[in-house]
């Protein structure tokens, strides 16, 4: 079916003109490879059957090779579809790998943060231990000093008691001397 008119109105109300049509190539057995102008809405939506052949009809030898070309075209289409499926699978695999890499990176960041916190708490713990050791040392010194102070006070008390005893002993010696010198008779009477 060909049309030589400039306009054609289809049943759907869509109208093609020669200027709005697109160049296509026929893939049918009888007209394989023949170029024509056709509706721009072909395979998109409502279209009109307008077309105009640009090439002369194909020769018989070309028609004989049509089925071989059609087989090759079908093979290429199936390979293209397989390539698209592989590309989709590769894209999905790449997306999963990217997601796993992001998860691994997040885990690494969290691990580094935990290590940093652990190091900080380790440093704080070391500082606390050092302060505790210093406090223990100060307490020992205070204990030693308090013991020394207690010993000093006891020693001072002992010195005071010793001095009192010495004074008492001196007094007794003095009393004895006085008694011996002043009262010889009395001592003799006593004996």
C-alpha atoms as a PDB file:
ATOM      1  CA  UNK A   1       0.000   0.000   0.000  1.00  0.00           C
ATOM      2  CA  UNK A   2       1.517   3.249  -1.012  1.00  0.00           C
ATOM      3  CA  UNK A   3       0.385   6.770  -0.997  1.00  0.00           C
ATOM      4  CA  UNK A   4       1.602   9.625  -3.053  1.00  0.00           C
ATOM      5  CA  UNK A   5      -0.507  12.238  -1.355  1.00  0.00           C
ATOM      6  CA  UNK A   6       1.069  14.720   1.019  1.00  0.00           C
ATOM      7  CA  UNK A   7      -1.389  14.065   3.864  1.00  0.00           C
ATOM      8  CA  UNK A   8      -3.091  10.987   5.242  1.00  0.00           C
ATOM      9  CA  UNK A   9      -5.589  10.773   8.070  1.00  0.00           C
ATOM     10  CA  UNK A  10      -5.807   7.414   9.855  1.00  0.00           C
ATOM     11  CA  UNK A  11      -8.727   5.963  11.763  1.00  0.00           C
ATOM     12  CA  UNK A  12      -7.283   7.245  15.044  1.00  0.00           C
ATOM     13  CA  UNK A  13      -7.376  10.824  13.807  1.00  0.00           C
ATOM     14  CA  UNK A  14      -3.584  11.024  13.584  1.00  0.00           C
ATOM     15  CA  UNK A  15      -2.397  12.706  10.396  1.00  0.00           C
ATOM     16  CA  UNK A  16       1.014  12.202   8.773  1.00  0.00           C
ATOM     17  CA  UNK A  17       2.689  14.435   6.265  1.00  0.00           C
ATOM     18  CA  UNK A  18       5.762  13.755   4.247  1.00  0.00           C
ATOM     19  CA  UNK A  19       7.667  16.256   6.394  1.00  0.00           C
ATOM     20  CA  UNK A  20       6.706  14.580   9.715  1.00  0.00           C
ATOM     21  CA  UNK A  21       7.431  11.013   8.581  1.00  0.00           C
ATOM     22  CA  UNK A  22      10.653   9.169   9.365  1.00  0.00           C
ATOM     23  CA  UNK A  23      12.940   7.043   7.201  1.00  0.00           C
ATOM     24  CA  UNK A  24      12.525   3.297   7.836  1.00  0.00           C
ATOM     25  CA  UNK A  25      13.845   0.052   6.344  1.00  0.00           C
ATOM     26  CA  UNK A  26      11.547  -2.852   5.575  1.00  0.00           C
ATOM     27  CA  UNK A  27      12.365  -6.201   7.170  1.00  0.00           C
ATOM     28  CA  UNK A  28       9.652  -8.215   5.436  1.00  0.00           C
ATOM     29  CA  UNK A  29      10.576 -11.141   3.215  1.00  0.00           C
ATOM     30  CA  UNK A  30       9.346  -9.628  -0.061  1.00  0.00           C
ATOM     31  CA  UNK A  31      10.731  -6.120   0.514  1.00  0.00           C
ATOM     32  CA  UNK A  32      13.740  -6.805   2.701  1.00  0.00           C
ATOM     33  CA  UNK A  33      16.123  -3.871   2.971  1.00  0.00           C
ATOM     34  CA  UNK A  34      13.861  -1.551   0.988  1.00  0.00           C
ATOM     35  CA  UNK A  35      13.707   1.982   2.412  1.00  0.00           C
ATOM     36  CA  UNK A  36      10.465   3.887   2.907  1.00  0.00           C
ATOM     37  CA  UNK A  37       9.018   6.913   4.668  1.00  0.00           C
ATOM     38  CA  UNK A  38       6.560   5.913   7.418  1.00  0.00           C
ATOM     39  CA  UNK A  39       4.499   7.259  10.265  1.00  0.00           C
ATOM     40  CA  UNK A  40       6.591   8.756  13.042  1.00  0.00           C
ATOM     41  CA  UNK A  41       4.362   7.119  15.660  1.00  0.00           C
ATOM     42  CA  UNK A  42       5.194   3.602  14.530  1.00  0.00           C
ATOM     43  CA  UNK A  43       5.493   1.330  17.643  1.00  0.00           C
ATOM     44  CA  UNK A  44       4.772   4.307  19.936  1.00  0.00           C
ATOM     45  CA  UNK A  45       1.031   4.729  20.009  1.00  0.00           C
ATOM     46  CA  UNK A  46      -1.846   5.301  17.618  1.00  0.00           C
ATOM     47  CA  UNK A  47      -0.436   5.543  14.132  1.00  0.00           C
ATOM     48  CA  UNK A  48      -1.614   5.854  10.592  1.00  0.00           C
ATOM     49  CA  UNK A  49      -0.725   3.415   7.797  1.00  0.00           C
ATOM     50  CA  UNK A  50       0.943   6.123   5.688  1.00  0.00           C
ATOM     51  CA  UNK A  51       4.156   5.166   3.905  1.00  0.00           C
ATOM     52  CA  UNK A  52       5.978   5.934   0.659  1.00  0.00           C
ATOM     53  CA  UNK A  53       8.595   3.698  -0.916  1.00  0.00           C
ATOM     54  CA  UNK A  54      11.907   5.396  -1.605  1.00  0.00           C
ATOM     55  CA  UNK A  55      13.708   2.402  -3.197  1.00  0.00           C
ATOM     56  CA  UNK A  56      12.711   0.264  -6.161  1.00  0.00           C
ATOM     57  CA  UNK A  57      11.404  -3.241  -5.460  1.00  0.00           C
ATOM     58  CA  UNK A  58      14.127  -5.746  -4.541  1.00  0.00           C
ATOM     59  CA  UNK A  59      15.332  -8.347  -7.015  1.00  0.00           C
ATOM     60  CA  UNK A  60      14.540 -12.071  -6.676  1.00  0.00           C
ATOM     61  CA  UNK A  61      18.070 -12.950  -5.654  1.00  0.00           C
ATOM     62  CA  UNK A  62      17.777 -10.470  -2.788  1.00  0.00           C
ATOM     63  CA  UNK A  63      14.483 -12.078  -1.814  1.00  0.00           C
ATOM     64  CA  UNK A  64      16.188 -15.501  -1.728  1.00  0.00           C
ATOM     65  CA  UNK A  65      18.819 -14.231   0.721  1.00  0.00           C
ATOM     66  CA  UNK A  66      16.181 -12.571   2.858  1.00  0.00           C
ATOM     67  CA  UNK A  67      15.630 -15.568   5.124  1.00  0.00           C
ATOM     68  CA  UNK A  68      19.399 -15.876   5.772  1.00  0.00           C
ATOM     69  CA  UNK A  69      19.607 -12.202   6.605  1.00  0.00           C
ATOM     70  CA  UNK A  70      16.486 -12.524   8.755  1.00  0.00           C
ATOM     71  CA  UNK A  71      18.071 -15.441  10.658  1.00  0.00           C
ATOM     72  CA  UNK A  72      21.242 -13.441  11.167  1.00  0.00           C
ATOM     73  CA  UNK A  73      19.170 -10.461  12.311  1.00  0.00           C
ATOM     74  CA  UNK A  74      17.238 -12.675  14.749  1.00  0.00           C
ATOM     75  CA  UNK A  75      20.534 -14.069  16.060  1.00  0.00           C
ATOM     76  CA  UNK A  76      21.909 -10.564  16.502  1.00  0.00           C
ATOM     77  CA  UNK A  77      18.715  -9.496  18.304  1.00  0.00           C
ATOM     78  CA  UNK A  78      18.944 -12.463  20.678  1.00  0.00           C
ATOM     79  CA  UNK A  79      22.630 -11.702  21.300  1.00  0.00           C
ATOM     80  CA  UNK A  80      21.707  -8.070  21.931  1.00  0.00           C
ATOM     81  CA  UNK A  81      19.010  -9.147  24.382  1.00  0.00           C
ATOM     82  CA  UNK A  82      21.507 -11.478  26.094  1.00  0.00           C
ATOM     83  CA  UNK A  83      24.029  -8.630  26.246  1.00  0.00           C
ATOM     84  CA  UNK A  84      21.375  -6.368  27.818  1.00  0.00           C
ATOM     85  CA  UNK A  85      20.568  -9.071  30.384  1.00  0.00           C
ATOM     86  CA  UNK A  86      24.280  -9.480  31.166  1.00  0.00           C
ATOM     87  CA  UNK A  87      24.622  -5.717  31.456  1.00  0.00           C
ATOM     88  CA  UNK A  88      21.642  -5.624  33.853  1.00  0.00           C
ATOM     89  CA  UNK A  89      23.176  -8.457  35.893  1.00  0.00           C
ATOM     90  CA  UNK A  90      26.555  -6.696  35.903  1.00  0.00           C
ATOM     91  CA  UNK A  91      24.885  -3.442  36.957  1.00  0.00           C
ATOM     92  CA  UNK A  92      23.082  -5.236  39.788  1.00  0.00           C
ATOM     93  CA  UNK A  93      26.313  -6.950  40.842  1.00  0.00           C
ATOM     94  CA  UNK A  94      28.142  -3.625  40.741  1.00  0.00           C
ATOM     95  CA  UNK A  95      25.378  -2.019  42.819  1.00  0.00           C
ATOM     96  CA  UNK A  96      25.605  -4.839  45.375  1.00  0.00           C
ATOM     97  CA  UNK A  97      29.399  -4.547  45.421  1.00  0.00           C
ATOM     98  CA  UNK A  98      29.127  -0.787  45.913  1.00  0.00           C
ATOM     99  CA  UNK A  99      26.625  -1.305  48.720  1.00  0.00           C
ATOM    100  CA  UNK A 100      28.881  -3.902  50.353  1.00  0.00           C
ATOM    101  CA  UNK A 101      31.865  -1.566  49.986  1.00  0.00           C
ATOM    102  CA  UNK A 102      29.877   1.231  51.641  1.00  0.00           C
ATOM    103  CA  UNK A 103      28.895  -1.115  54.485  1.00  0.00           C
ATOM    104  CA  UNK A 104      32.522  -2.214  54.873  1.00  0.00           C
ATOM    105  CA  UNK A 105      33.645   1.415  54.870  1.00  0.00           C
ATOM    106  CA  UNK A 106      31.030   2.277  57.519  1.00  0.00           C
ATOM    107  CA  UNK A 107      32.224  -0.663  59.630  1.00  0.00           C
ATOM    108  CA  UNK A 108      35.831   0.465  59.201  1.00  0.00           C
ATOM    109  CA  UNK A 109      34.916   4.000  60.274  1.00  0.00           C
ATOM    110  CA  UNK A 110      33.045   2.639  63.307  1.00  0.00           C
ATOM    111  CA  UNK A 111      35.984   0.368  64.162  1.00  0.00           C
ATOM    112  CA  UNK A 112      38.408   3.278  63.915  1.00  0.00           C
ATOM    113  CA  UNK A 113      36.100   5.356  66.127  1.00  0.00           C
ATOM    114  CA  UNK A 114      35.917   2.519  68.688  1.00  0.00           C
ATOM    115  CA  UNK A 115      39.720   2.195  68.625  1.00  0.00           C
ATOM    116  CA  UNK A 116      40.053   5.954  69.155  1.00  0.00           C
ATOM    117  CA  UNK A 117      37.631   5.833  72.087  1.00  0.00           C
ATOM    118  CA  UNK A 118      39.459   2.814  73.505  1.00  0.00           C
ATOM    119  CA  UNK A 119      42.793   4.613  73.245  1.00  0.00           C
ATOM    120  CA  UNK A 120      41.315   7.698  74.890  1.00  0.00           C
ATOM    121  CA  UNK A 121      39.821   5.618  77.703  1.00  0.00           C
ATOM    122  CA  UNK A 122      43.113   3.727  77.993  1.00  0.00           C
ATOM    123  CA  UNK A 123      44.971   7.021  78.385  1.00  0.00           C
ATOM    124  CA  UNK A 124      42.412   8.142  80.974  1.00  0.00           C
ATOM    125  CA  UNK A 125      42.790   4.832  82.818  1.00  0.00           C
ATOM    126  CA  UNK A 126      46.578   5.235  82.834  1.00  0.00           C
ATOM    127  CA  UNK A 127      46.202   8.768  84.189  1.00  0.00           C
ATOM    128  CA  UNK A 128      43.867   7.482  86.910  1.00  0.00           C
ATOM    129  CA  UNK A 129      46.364   4.734  87.819  1.00  0.00           C
ATOM    130  CA  UNK A 130      49.202   7.282  87.993  1.00  0.00           C
ATOM    131  CA  UNK A 131      47.075   9.560  90.190  1.00  0.00           C
ATOM    132  CA  UNK A 132      46.142   6.603  92.400  1.00  0.00           C
ATOM    133  CA  UNK A 133      49.791   5.604  92.759  1.00  0.00           C
ATOM    134  CA  UNK A 134      50.712   9.186  93.636  1.00  0.00           C
ATOM    135  CA  UNK A 135      47.870   9.289  96.166  1.00  0.00           C
ATOM    136  CA  UNK A 136      49.055   5.981  97.638  1.00  0.00           C
ATOM    137  CA  UNK A 137      52.578   7.365  97.932  1.00  0.00           C
ATOM    138  CA  UNK A 138      51.258  10.487  99.664  1.00  0.00           C
ATOM    139  CA  UNK A 139      49.197   8.338 102.037  1.00  0.00           C
ATOM    140  CA  UNK A 140      52.239   6.227 102.894  1.00  0.00           C
ATOM    141  CA  UNK A 141      54.272   9.352 103.573  1.00  0.00           C
ATOM    142  CA  UNK A 142      51.467  10.735 105.715  1.00  0.00           C
ATOM    143  CA  UNK A 143      51.239   7.421 107.562  1.00  0.00           C
ATOM    144  CA  UNK A 144      54.975   7.379 108.156  1.00  0.00           C
ATOM    145  CA  UNK A 145      54.880  10.987 109.304  1.00  0.00           C
ATOM    146  CA  UNK A 146      51.925  10.326 111.559  1.00  0.00           C
ATOM    147  CA  UNK A 147      53.711   7.306 113.004  1.00  0.00           C
ATOM    148  CA  UNK A 148      56.816   9.425 113.447  1.00  0.00           C
ATOM    149  CA  UNK A 149      54.707  12.116 115.048  1.00  0.00           C
ATOM    150  CA  UNK A 150      53.143   9.537 117.343  1.00  0.00           C
ATOM    151  CA  UNK A 151      56.600   8.195 118.121  1.00  0.00           C
ATOM    152  CA  UNK A 152      57.833  11.706 118.745  1.00  0.00           C
ATOM    153  CA  UNK A 153      54.968  12.416 121.081  1.00  0.00           C
ATOM    154  CA  UNK A 154      55.538   9.100 122.854  1.00  0.00           C
ATOM    155  CA  UNK A 155      59.252   9.820 122.983  1.00  0.00           C
ATOM    156  CA  UNK A 156      58.552  13.280 124.330  1.00  0.00           C
ATOM    157  CA  UNK A 157      56.268  11.809 126.940  1.00  0.00           C
ATOM    158  CA  UNK A 158      58.953   9.288 127.806  1.00  0.00           C
ATOM    159  CA  UNK A 159      61.511  12.062 128.039  1.00  0.00           C
ATOM    160  CA  UNK A 160      59.143  14.035 130.251  1.00  0.00           C
ATOM    161  CA  UNK A 161      58.542  11.010 132.478  1.00  0.00           C
ATOM    162  CA  UNK A 162      62.242  10.279 132.527  1.00  0.00           C
ATOM    163  CA  UNK A 163      62.939  13.859 133.516  1.00  0.00           C
ATOM    164  CA  UNK A 164      60.341  13.644 136.227  1.00  0.00           C
ATOM    165  CA  UNK A 165      61.883  10.415 137.425  1.00  0.00           C
ATOM    166  CA  UNK A 166      65.309  11.965 137.325  1.00  0.00           C
ATOM    167  CA  UNK A 167      63.993  14.942 139.262  1.00  0.00           C
ATOM    168  CA  UNK A 168      62.454  12.607 141.752  1.00  0.00           C
ATOM    169  CA  UNK A 169      65.682  10.669 141.941  1.00  0.00           C
ATOM    170  CA  UNK A 170      67.603  13.905 142.393  1.00  0.00           C
ATOM    171  CA  UNK A 171      65.179  14.953 145.093  1.00  0.00           C
ATOM    172  CA  UNK A 172      65.636  11.624 146.784  1.00  0.00           C
ATOM    173  CA  UNK A 173      69.378  11.948 146.534  1.00  0.00           C
ATOM    174  CA  UNK A 174      69.158  15.466 147.929  1.00  0.00           C
ATOM    175  CA  UNK A 175      66.905  14.297 150.699  1.00  0.00           C
ATOM    176  CA  UNK A 176      69.253  11.462 151.438  1.00  0.00           C
ATOM    177  CA  UNK A 177      72.228  13.821 151.446  1.00  0.00           C
ATOM    178  CA  UNK A 178      70.443  16.244 153.678  1.00  0.00           C
ATOM    179  CA  UNK A 179      69.461  13.446 155.912  1.00  0.00           C
ATOM    180  CA  UNK A 180      72.938  12.044 156.052  1.00  0.00           C
ATOM    181  CA  UNK A 181      74.617  15.362 156.644  1.00  0.00           C
ATOM    182  CA  UNK A 182      72.156  17.054 158.900  1.00  0.00           C
ATOM    183  CA  UNK A 183      70.822  14.258 160.870  1.00  0.00           C
ATOM    184  CA  UNK A 184      73.655  11.850 161.539  1.00  0.00           C
ATOM    185  CA  UNK A 185      72.374  11.059 164.910  1.00  0.00           C
ATOM    186  CA  UNK A 186      68.984  10.382 163.797  1.00  0.00           C
ATOM    187  CA  UNK A 187      70.249   7.947 161.268  1.00  0.00           C
ATOM    188  CA  UNK A 188      72.334   6.274 163.848  1.00  0.00           C
ATOM    189  CA  UNK A 189      69.430   5.937 166.132  1.00  0.00           C
ATOM    190  CA  UNK A 190      67.493   4.410 163.566  1.00  0.00           C
ATOM    191  CA  UNK A 191      69.961   1.777 162.861  1.00  0.00           C
END
